[in-house]
C-alpha atoms as a PDB file:
ATOM      1  CA  UNK A   1      -6.123  40.642  -0.760  1.00  0.00           C
ATOM      2  CA  UNK A   2      -2.949  40.278   1.271  1.00  0.00           C
ATOM      3  CA  UNK A   3      -1.647  36.795   2.125  1.00  0.00           C
ATOM      4  CA  UNK A   4       0.987  36.144   4.781  1.00  0.00           C
ATOM      5  CA  UNK A   5       2.865  33.198   6.242  1.00  0.00           C
ATOM      6  CA  UNK A   6       5.018  33.283   9.378  1.00  0.00           C
ATOM      7  CA  UNK A   7       6.765  30.665  11.503  1.00  0.00           C
ATOM      8  CA  UNK A   8       6.330  32.442  14.820  1.00  0.00           C
ATOM      9  CA  UNK A   9       8.655  30.264  16.984  1.00  0.00           C
ATOM     10  CA  UNK A  10       5.793  30.211  19.551  1.00  0.00           C
ATOM     11  CA  UNK A  11       6.101  33.989  19.812  1.00  0.00           C
ATOM     12  CA  UNK A  12       9.658  33.946  21.164  1.00  0.00           C
ATOM     13  CA  UNK A  13      12.159  36.696  20.388  1.00  0.00           C
ATOM     14  CA  UNK A  14      15.803  35.773  19.874  1.00  0.00           C
ATOM     15  CA  UNK A  15      16.812  39.152  21.317  1.00  0.00           C
ATOM     16  CA  UNK A  16      15.676  38.470  24.881  1.00  0.00           C
ATOM     17  CA  UNK A  17      14.635  34.796  24.660  1.00  0.00           C
ATOM     18  CA  UNK A  18      11.151  35.691  25.930  1.00  0.00           C
ATOM     19  CA  UNK A  19       7.573  35.404  24.758  1.00  0.00           C
ATOM     20  CA  UNK A  20       5.823  38.731  25.221  1.00  0.00           C
ATOM     21  CA  UNK A  21       2.198  38.256  24.180  1.00  0.00           C
ATOM     22  CA  UNK A  22       1.687  41.978  23.619  1.00  0.00           C
ATOM     23  CA  UNK A  23       4.760  42.178  21.383  1.00  0.00           C
ATOM     24  CA  UNK A  24       3.540  39.115  19.491  1.00  0.00           C
ATOM     25  CA  UNK A  25       0.099  40.659  18.941  1.00  0.00           C
ATOM     26  CA  UNK A  26       1.644  43.891  17.651  1.00  0.00           C
ATOM     27  CA  UNK A  27       3.906  41.966  15.263  1.00  0.00           C
ATOM     28  CA  UNK A  28       0.991  40.018  13.802  1.00  0.00           C
ATOM     29  CA  UNK A  29      -1.103  43.188  13.495  1.00  0.00           C
ATOM     30  CA  UNK A  30       1.738  44.852  11.557  1.00  0.00           C
ATOM     31  CA  UNK A  31       1.346  42.274   8.779  1.00  0.00           C
ATOM     32  CA  UNK A  32      -2.125  43.730   8.093  1.00  0.00           C
ATOM     33  CA  UNK A  33      -2.952  40.593   6.112  1.00  0.00           C
ATOM     34  CA  UNK A  34      -6.359  39.250   5.128  1.00  0.00           C
ATOM     35  CA  UNK A  35      -5.364  35.575   5.208  1.00  0.00           C
ATOM     36  CA  UNK A  36      -2.514  34.415   7.463  1.00  0.00           C
ATOM     37  CA  UNK A  37      -0.814  31.034   7.888  1.00  0.00           C
ATOM     38  CA  UNK A  38       1.074  30.557  11.172  1.00  0.00           C
ATOM     39  CA  UNK A  39       3.421  27.755  12.187  1.00  0.00           C
ATOM     40  CA  UNK A  40       4.916  26.692  15.544  1.00  0.00           C
ATOM     41  CA  UNK A  41       1.827  27.936  17.357  1.00  0.00           C
ATOM     42  CA  UNK A  42       1.325  27.328  21.095  1.00  0.00           C
ATOM     43  CA  UNK A  43      -1.889  26.898  22.985  1.00  0.00           C
ATOM     44  CA  UNK A  44      -1.918  26.768  26.797  1.00  0.00           C
ATOM     45  CA  UNK A  45       1.863  26.267  27.021  1.00  0.00           C
ATOM     46  CA  UNK A  46       3.763  27.531  30.060  1.00  0.00           C
ATOM     47  CA  UNK A  47       6.570  28.953  27.874  1.00  0.00           C
ATOM     48  CA  UNK A  48       4.103  31.310  26.140  1.00  0.00           C
ATOM     49  CA  UNK A  49       2.176  32.458  29.235  1.00  0.00           C
ATOM     50  CA  UNK A  50      -0.473  29.763  28.609  1.00  0.00           C
ATOM     51  CA  UNK A  51      -1.939  32.000  25.913  1.00  0.00           C
ATOM     52  CA  UNK A  52      -3.963  30.849  22.941  1.00  0.00           C
ATOM     53  CA  UNK A  53      -1.672  32.378  20.313  1.00  0.00           C
ATOM     54  CA  UNK A  54      -4.197  31.765  17.534  1.00  0.00           C
ATOM     55  CA  UNK A  55      -6.881  33.720  19.368  1.00  0.00           C
ATOM     56  CA  UNK A  56      -4.382  36.510  20.134  1.00  0.00           C
ATOM     57  CA  UNK A  57      -3.481  36.754  16.440  1.00  0.00           C
ATOM     58  CA  UNK A  58      -7.136  36.682  15.369  1.00  0.00           C
ATOM     59  CA  UNK A  59      -7.954  39.594  17.670  1.00  0.00           C
ATOM     60  CA  UNK A  60      -4.892  41.540  16.478  1.00  0.00           C
ATOM     61  CA  UNK A  61      -5.940  41.137  12.832  1.00  0.00           C
ATOM     62  CA  UNK A  62      -9.691  41.360  13.404  1.00  0.00           C
ATOM     63  CA  UNK A  63      -9.909  37.987  11.690  1.00  0.00           C
ATOM     64  CA  UNK A  64     -13.375  36.578  12.267  1.00  0.00           C
ATOM     65  CA  UNK A  65     -12.463  33.173  10.861  1.00  0.00           C
ATOM     66  CA  UNK A  66      -9.618  31.190  12.393  1.00  0.00           C
ATOM     67  CA  UNK A  67      -8.589  27.628  13.155  1.00  0.00           C
ATOM     68  CA  UNK A  68      -5.811  26.192  15.285  1.00  0.00           C
ATOM     69  CA  UNK A  69      -4.908  22.600  14.435  1.00  0.00           C
ATOM     70  CA  UNK A  70      -2.762  20.716  16.919  1.00  0.00           C
ATOM     71  CA  UNK A  71       0.062  18.592  15.561  1.00  0.00           C
ATOM     72  CA  UNK A  72       0.894  17.326  19.030  1.00  0.00           C
ATOM     73  CA  UNK A  73      -0.738  17.280  22.441  1.00  0.00           C
ATOM     74  CA  UNK A  74       1.481  18.005  25.417  1.00  0.00           C
ATOM     75  CA  UNK A  75       4.745  19.944  25.639  1.00  0.00           C
ATOM     76  CA  UNK A  76       7.196  20.164  22.715  1.00  0.00           C
ATOM     77  CA  UNK A  77      10.619  18.917  23.750  1.00  0.00           C
ATOM     78  CA  UNK A  78       9.173  17.138  26.779  1.00  0.00           C
ATOM     79  CA  UNK A  79       6.170  14.811  27.118  1.00  0.00           C
ATOM     80  CA  UNK A  80       3.848  14.780  24.118  1.00  0.00           C
ATOM     81  CA  UNK A  81       1.821  12.563  21.833  1.00  0.00           C
ATOM     82  CA  UNK A  82       0.451  12.951  18.339  1.00  0.00           C
ATOM     83  CA  UNK A  83      -2.734  15.003  18.302  1.00  0.00           C
ATOM     84  CA  UNK A  84      -5.938  13.306  17.220  1.00  0.00           C
ATOM     85  CA  UNK A  85      -8.247  16.283  16.792  1.00  0.00           C
ATOM     86  CA  UNK A  86     -10.168  15.336  19.938  1.00  0.00           C
ATOM     87  CA  UNK A  87      -8.160  17.573  22.280  1.00  0.00           C
ATOM     88  CA  UNK A  88     -10.007  19.847  24.706  1.00  0.00           C
ATOM     89  CA  UNK A  89      -9.905  23.630  24.069  1.00  0.00           C
ATOM     90  CA  UNK A  90      -7.825  24.290  27.203  1.00  0.00           C
ATOM     91  CA  UNK A  91      -5.445  21.364  26.690  1.00  0.00           C
ATOM     92  CA  UNK A  92      -1.777  22.175  26.079  1.00  0.00           C
ATOM     93  CA  UNK A  93      -1.030  21.737  22.383  1.00  0.00           C
ATOM     94  CA  UNK A  94       1.263  22.878  19.587  1.00  0.00           C
ATOM     95  CA  UNK A  95       0.651  23.112  15.854  1.00  0.00           C
ATOM     96  CA  UNK A  96      -0.408  25.445  13.056  1.00  0.00           C
ATOM     97  CA  UNK A  97      -3.125  27.994  12.414  1.00  0.00           C
ATOM     98  CA  UNK A  98      -4.959  29.687   9.571  1.00  0.00           C
ATOM     99  CA  UNK A  99      -6.777  32.999   9.976  1.00  0.00           C
ATOM    100  CA  UNK A 100      -9.008  34.969   7.593  1.00  0.00           C
ATOM    101  CA  UNK A 101     -10.752  38.316   7.605  1.00  0.00           C
ATOM    102  CA  UNK A 102     -12.920  36.990   4.770  1.00  0.00           C
ATOM    103  CA  UNK A 103     -15.710  34.416   5.133  1.00  0.00           C
ATOM    104  CA  UNK A 104     -14.671  30.756   5.064  1.00  0.00           C
ATOM    105  CA  UNK A 105     -17.072  28.351   3.383  1.00  0.00           C
ATOM    106  CA  UNK A 106     -15.408  25.163   4.629  1.00  0.00           C
ATOM    107  CA  UNK A 107     -12.456  23.806   6.621  1.00  0.00           C
ATOM    108  CA  UNK A 108     -10.453  20.605   6.218  1.00  0.00           C
ATOM    109  CA  UNK A 109      -7.639  19.050   8.259  1.00  0.00           C
ATOM    110  CA  UNK A 110      -5.030  16.900   6.506  1.00  0.00           C
ATOM    111  CA  UNK A 111      -2.787  14.799   8.753  1.00  0.00           C
ATOM    112  CA  UNK A 112       0.483  13.978   7.006  1.00  0.00           C
ATOM    113  CA  UNK A 113       2.591  10.808   7.342  1.00  0.00           C
ATOM    114  CA  UNK A 114       5.024  11.078  10.251  1.00  0.00           C
ATOM    115  CA  UNK A 115       8.593   9.817  10.465  1.00  0.00           C
ATOM    116  CA  UNK A 116       8.076   6.435  12.167  1.00  0.00           C
ATOM    117  CA  UNK A 117      11.344   6.266  14.115  1.00  0.00           C
ATOM    118  CA  UNK A 118      14.302   8.304  15.292  1.00  0.00           C
ATOM    119  CA  UNK A 119      16.579   9.308  12.421  1.00  0.00           C
ATOM    120  CA  UNK A 120      20.124  10.733  12.153  1.00  0.00           C
ATOM    121  CA  UNK A 121      20.166  14.381  11.055  1.00  0.00           C
ATOM    122  CA  UNK A 122      23.177  16.686  10.629  1.00  0.00           C
ATOM    123  CA  UNK A 123      22.190  20.155  11.820  1.00  0.00           C
ATOM    124  CA  UNK A 124      23.948  23.373  10.702  1.00  0.00           C
ATOM    125  CA  UNK A 125      27.142  23.963  12.679  1.00  0.00           C
ATOM    126  CA  UNK A 126      27.462  20.303  13.685  1.00  0.00           C
ATOM    127  CA  UNK A 127      29.846  17.742  12.208  1.00  0.00           C
ATOM    128  CA  UNK A 128      28.139  14.594  13.416  1.00  0.00           C
ATOM    129  CA  UNK A 129      24.538  13.502  12.956  1.00  0.00           C
ATOM    130  CA  UNK A 130      22.161  13.561  15.894  1.00  0.00           C
ATOM    131  CA  UNK A 131      19.371  11.066  16.446  1.00  0.00           C
ATOM    132  CA  UNK A 132      16.068  12.931  16.547  1.00  0.00           C
ATOM    133  CA  UNK A 133      12.386  12.137  16.835  1.00  0.00           C
ATOM    134  CA  UNK A 134      10.356  14.315  14.493  1.00  0.00           C
ATOM    135  CA  UNK A 135       7.008  15.808  15.435  1.00  0.00           C
ATOM    136  CA  UNK A 136       3.721  14.892  13.738  1.00  0.00           C
ATOM    137  CA  UNK A 137       2.858  17.126  10.778  1.00  0.00           C
ATOM    138  CA  UNK A 138      -0.505  18.471   9.685  1.00  0.00           C
ATOM    139  CA  UNK A 139      -2.131  20.901   7.247  1.00  0.00           C
ATOM    140  CA  UNK A 140      -5.315  22.967   7.492  1.00  0.00           C
ATOM    141  CA  UNK A 141      -7.250  23.952   4.362  1.00  0.00           C
ATOM    142  CA  UNK A 142      -9.914  26.655   4.024  1.00  0.00           C
ATOM    143  CA  UNK A 143     -12.188  27.727   1.179  1.00  0.00           C
ATOM    144  CA  UNK A 144     -11.948  31.524   1.516  1.00  0.00           C
ATOM    145  CA  UNK A 145     -14.526  33.730  -0.183  1.00  0.00           C
ATOM    146  CA  UNK A 146     -13.744  37.232  -1.437  1.00  0.00           C
ATOM    147  CA  UNK A 147     -16.997  39.110  -0.702  1.00  0.00           C
ATOM    148  CA  UNK A 148     -16.282  41.759  -3.356  1.00  0.00           C
ATOM    149  CA  UNK A 149     -16.174  39.207  -6.194  1.00  0.00           C
ATOM    150  CA  UNK A 150     -17.751  36.067  -4.767  1.00  0.00           C
ATOM    151  CA  UNK A 151     -14.675  34.199  -5.955  1.00  0.00           C
ATOM    152  CA  UNK A 152     -13.415  31.387  -3.730  1.00  0.00           C
ATOM    153  CA  UNK A 153      -9.759  30.732  -2.998  1.00  0.00           C
ATOM    154  CA  UNK A 154      -8.535  27.444  -1.510  1.00  0.00           C
ATOM    155  CA  UNK A 155      -5.815  28.241   1.053  1.00  0.00           C
ATOM    156  CA  UNK A 156      -3.683  25.736   2.983  1.00  0.00           C
ATOM    157  CA  UNK A 157      -1.235  26.212   5.850  1.00  0.00           C
ATOM    158  CA  UNK A 158       1.355  23.617   6.852  1.00  0.00           C
ATOM    159  CA  UNK A 159       4.703  23.036   8.550  1.00  0.00           C
ATOM    160  CA  UNK A 160       6.665  20.104   7.147  1.00  0.00           C
ATOM    161  CA  UNK A 161       9.373  17.870   8.610  1.00  0.00           C
ATOM    162  CA  UNK A 162      13.003  18.978   8.809  1.00  0.00           C
ATOM    163  CA  UNK A 163      14.095  15.413   7.949  1.00  0.00           C
ATOM    164  CA  UNK A 164      15.571  15.424   4.413  1.00  0.00           C
ATOM    165  CA  UNK A 165      13.533  13.384   1.959  1.00  0.00           C
ATOM    166  CA  UNK A 166      10.630  12.967   4.323  1.00  0.00           C
ATOM    167  CA  UNK A 167       9.576  16.591   3.916  1.00  0.00           C
ATOM    168  CA  UNK A 168       9.490  16.155   0.126  1.00  0.00           C
ATOM    169  CA  UNK A 169       7.298  13.080   0.506  1.00  0.00           C
ATOM    170  CA  UNK A 170       4.912  14.950   2.808  1.00  0.00           C
ATOM    171  CA  UNK A 171       4.759  17.823   0.322  1.00  0.00           C
ATOM    172  CA  UNK A 172       3.959  15.532  -2.599  1.00  0.00           C
ATOM    173  CA  UNK A 173       1.193  13.894  -0.581  1.00  0.00           C
ATOM    174  CA  UNK A 174      -0.269  17.270   0.367  1.00  0.00           C
ATOM    175  CA  UNK A 175      -0.030  18.594  -3.206  1.00  0.00           C
ATOM    176  CA  UNK A 176      -1.972  15.563  -4.482  1.00  0.00           C
ATOM    177  CA  UNK A 177      -4.666  16.189  -1.880  1.00  0.00           C
ATOM    178  CA  UNK A 178      -4.919  19.877  -2.820  1.00  0.00           C
ATOM    179  CA  UNK A 179      -5.369  19.070  -6.495  1.00  0.00           C
ATOM    180  CA  UNK A 180      -8.827  17.783  -5.588  1.00  0.00           C
ATOM    181  CA  UNK A 181      -9.769  21.246  -4.279  1.00  0.00           C
ATOM    182  CA  UNK A 182     -11.273  23.995  -6.452  1.00  0.00           C
ATOM    183  CA  UNK A 183      -8.623  26.184  -8.108  1.00  0.00           C
ATOM    184  CA  UNK A 184      -6.962  28.511  -7.543  1.00  0.00           C
ATOM    185  CA  UNK A 185      -5.159  26.829  -4.638  1.00  0.00           C
ATOM    186  CA  UNK A 186      -2.633  28.653  -2.444  1.00  0.00           C
ATOM    187  CA  UNK A 187      -0.245  26.695  -0.217  1.00  0.00           C
ATOM    188  CA  UNK A 188       1.615  28.642   2.478  1.00  0.00           C
ATOM    189  CA  UNK A 189       3.959  27.682   5.247  1.00  0.00           C
ATOM    190  CA  UNK A 190       7.358  26.585   6.480  1.00  0.00           C
ATOM    191  CA  UNK A 191       8.078  23.681   4.129  1.00  0.00           C
ATOM    192  CA  UNK A 192      11.680  23.143   5.311  1.00  0.00           C
ATOM    193  CA  UNK A 193      12.609  22.908   1.636  1.00  0.00           C
ATOM    194  CA  UNK A 194      14.258  25.312  -0.782  1.00  0.00           C
ATOM    195  CA  UNK A 195      12.572  26.530  -3.985  1.00  0.00           C
ATOM    196  CA  UNK A 196      13.847  23.948  -6.470  1.00  0.00           C
ATOM    197  CA  UNK A 197      12.843  21.025  -4.247  1.00  0.00           C
ATOM    198  CA  UNK A 198       9.419  22.632  -3.748  1.00  0.00           C
ATOM    199  CA  UNK A 199       8.967  23.037  -7.510  1.00  0.00           C
ATOM    200  CA  UNK A 200       9.857  19.392  -8.164  1.00  0.00           C
ATOM    201  CA  UNK A 201       7.453  18.162  -5.500  1.00  0.00           C
ATOM    202  CA  UNK A 202       4.440  20.330  -6.367  1.00  0.00           C
ATOM    203  CA  UNK A 203       4.700  21.942  -9.804  1.00  0.00           C
ATOM    204  CA  UNK A 204       3.077  24.990  -8.186  1.00  0.00           C
ATOM    205  CA  UNK A 205       4.025  28.581  -9.027  1.00  0.00           C
ATOM    206  CA  UNK A 206       5.863  30.615  -6.359  1.00  0.00           C
ATOM    207  CA  UNK A 207       4.316  33.994  -5.602  1.00  0.00           C
ATOM    208  CA  UNK A 208       7.370  35.288  -3.733  1.00  0.00           C
ATOM    209  CA  UNK A 209      11.090  34.586  -3.896  1.00  0.00           C
ATOM    210  CA  UNK A 210      13.020  35.694  -0.812  1.00  0.00           C
ATOM    211  CA  UNK A 211      15.369  34.110   1.703  1.00  0.00           C
ATOM    212  CA  UNK A 212      13.632  33.666   5.051  1.00  0.00           C
ATOM    213  CA  UNK A 213      16.078  31.821   7.336  1.00  0.00           C
ATOM    214  CA  UNK A 214      17.945  32.435   9.576  1.00  0.00           C
ATOM    215  CA  UNK A 215      16.441  35.734  10.595  1.00  0.00           C
ATOM    216  CA  UNK A 216      19.655  37.726  11.240  1.00  0.00           C
ATOM    217  CA  UNK A 217      21.361  36.776   7.950  1.00  0.00           C
ATOM    218  CA  UNK A 218      18.837  35.027   5.700  1.00  0.00           C
ATOM    219  CA  UNK A 219      20.439  32.670   3.179  1.00  0.00           C
ATOM    220  CA  UNK A 220      17.745  30.052   2.538  1.00  0.00           C
ATOM    221  CA  UNK A 221      14.092  30.210   1.557  1.00  0.00           C
ATOM    222  CA  UNK A 222      12.263  27.680   3.713  1.00  0.00           C
ATOM    223  CA  UNK A 223       8.947  29.562   3.830  1.00  0.00           C
ATOM    224  CA  UNK A 224       6.775  29.714   0.730  1.00  0.00           C
ATOM    225  CA  UNK A 225       3.587  31.039  -0.833  1.00  0.00           C
ATOM    226  CA  UNK A 226       2.662  28.841  -3.812  1.00  0.00           C
ATOM    227  CA  UNK A 227      -0.273  28.804  -6.178  1.00  0.00           C
ATOM    228  CA  UNK A 228      -1.893  26.249  -8.414  1.00  0.00           C
ATOM    229  CA  UNK A 229      -3.866  28.421 -10.860  1.00  0.00           C
ATOM    230  CA  UNK A 230      -6.990  27.461 -12.749  1.00  0.00           C
ATOM    231  CA  UNK A 231      -5.334  28.598 -15.991  1.00  0.00           C
ATOM    232  CA  UNK A 232      -8.110  30.885 -17.198  1.00  0.00           C
ATOM    233  CA  UNK A 233      -7.781  33.426 -14.374  1.00  0.00           C
ATOM    234  CA  UNK A 234      -4.276  33.259 -12.862  1.00  0.00           C
ATOM    235  CA  UNK A 235      -3.614  35.151  -9.646  1.00  0.00           C
ATOM    236  CA  UNK A 236      -1.588  38.319 -10.232  1.00  0.00           C
ATOM    237  CA  UNK A 237       0.874  39.651  -7.657  1.00  0.00           C
ATOM    238  CA  UNK A 238       1.019  43.379  -6.948  1.00  0.00           C
ATOM    239  CA  UNK A 239       3.715  43.200  -4.279  1.00  0.00           C
ATOM    240  CA  UNK A 240       5.615  40.417  -2.473  1.00  0.00           C
ATOM    241  CA  UNK A 241       8.281  40.675   0.183  1.00  0.00           C
ATOM    242  CA  UNK A 242       9.979  39.207   3.262  1.00  0.00           C
ATOM    243  CA  UNK A 243       9.503  41.070   6.538  1.00  0.00           C
ATOM    244  CA  UNK A 244      11.592  40.945   9.683  1.00  0.00           C
ATOM    245  CA  UNK A 245       9.491  41.148  12.825  1.00  0.00           C
ATOM    246  CA  UNK A 246      10.646  41.431  16.473  1.00  0.00           C
ATOM    247  CA  UNK A 247      10.268  37.710  17.151  1.00  0.00           C
ATOM    248  CA  UNK A 248      11.041  34.286  15.645  1.00  0.00           C
ATOM    249  CA  UNK A 249      14.060  32.866  13.803  1.00  0.00           C
ATOM    250  CA  UNK A 250      12.259  33.218  10.443  1.00  0.00           C
ATOM    251  CA  UNK A 251      11.192  36.176   8.349  1.00  0.00           C
ATOM    252  CA  UNK A 252       7.522  36.513   7.485  1.00  0.00           C
ATOM    253  CA  UNK A 253       6.353  36.603   3.875  1.00  0.00           C
ATOM    254  CA  UNK A 254       3.526  38.786   2.540  1.00  0.00           C
ATOM    255  CA  UNK A 255       1.954  38.757  -0.933  1.00  0.00           C
ATOM    256  CA  UNK A 256      -0.487  41.391  -2.198  1.00  0.00           C
ATOM    257  CA  UNK A 257      -2.778  40.141  -4.955  1.00  0.00           C
ATOM    258  CA  UNK A 258      -4.369  42.440  -7.540  1.00  0.00           C
END
């Protein structure tokens, strides 16, 4: 089984500052993964040709099971509101997705606590803090069945806040929720935290160590694939790596399990 996580930057390439849906589909297909977590996913947004990027990825991977979960309804950076889960299928939205080639027994959506006000944040390359309003954050959890063994794997995809401290709190809340799920549990996504902070917040085992951001000269690991094993039958990694694809400001991560 191959797992993958990728912050797709709504399919945009930094080389030409465009979203080419065909290029995006080819990039996702090149991962050749069985279970894929995507972040910064558009649906019906003008900037990404009003495509359903989850459906495009599902077709590229031949993934029969897939869910898009909106974090916000409307247009990122313009007019939006927190998503409720009641959005219409053709409504403009932005969020995360989880896709699987294997059968999924159940799905769950976990809405995480949002930063309640604008906060000062110092961004790389800036000397002074900037007041920002963070987006709502959400996770999607699937019970994925391996047909060859009948074994079930709990897999979660999320994209956490960039606000220091708040992202750690969101991660601790999510980790507590996942502990109620059958083990083994795999958590994938852009956590906006580096490995030591992730370890302190979750106690989960990393399946891959590789810098993933920024794409042209990676120096920080913000994207992670973590596991909470059941102890008796720990997941074993055959291969794990970071992959540069022709879009996004992040590298993708893939993990091959024995």
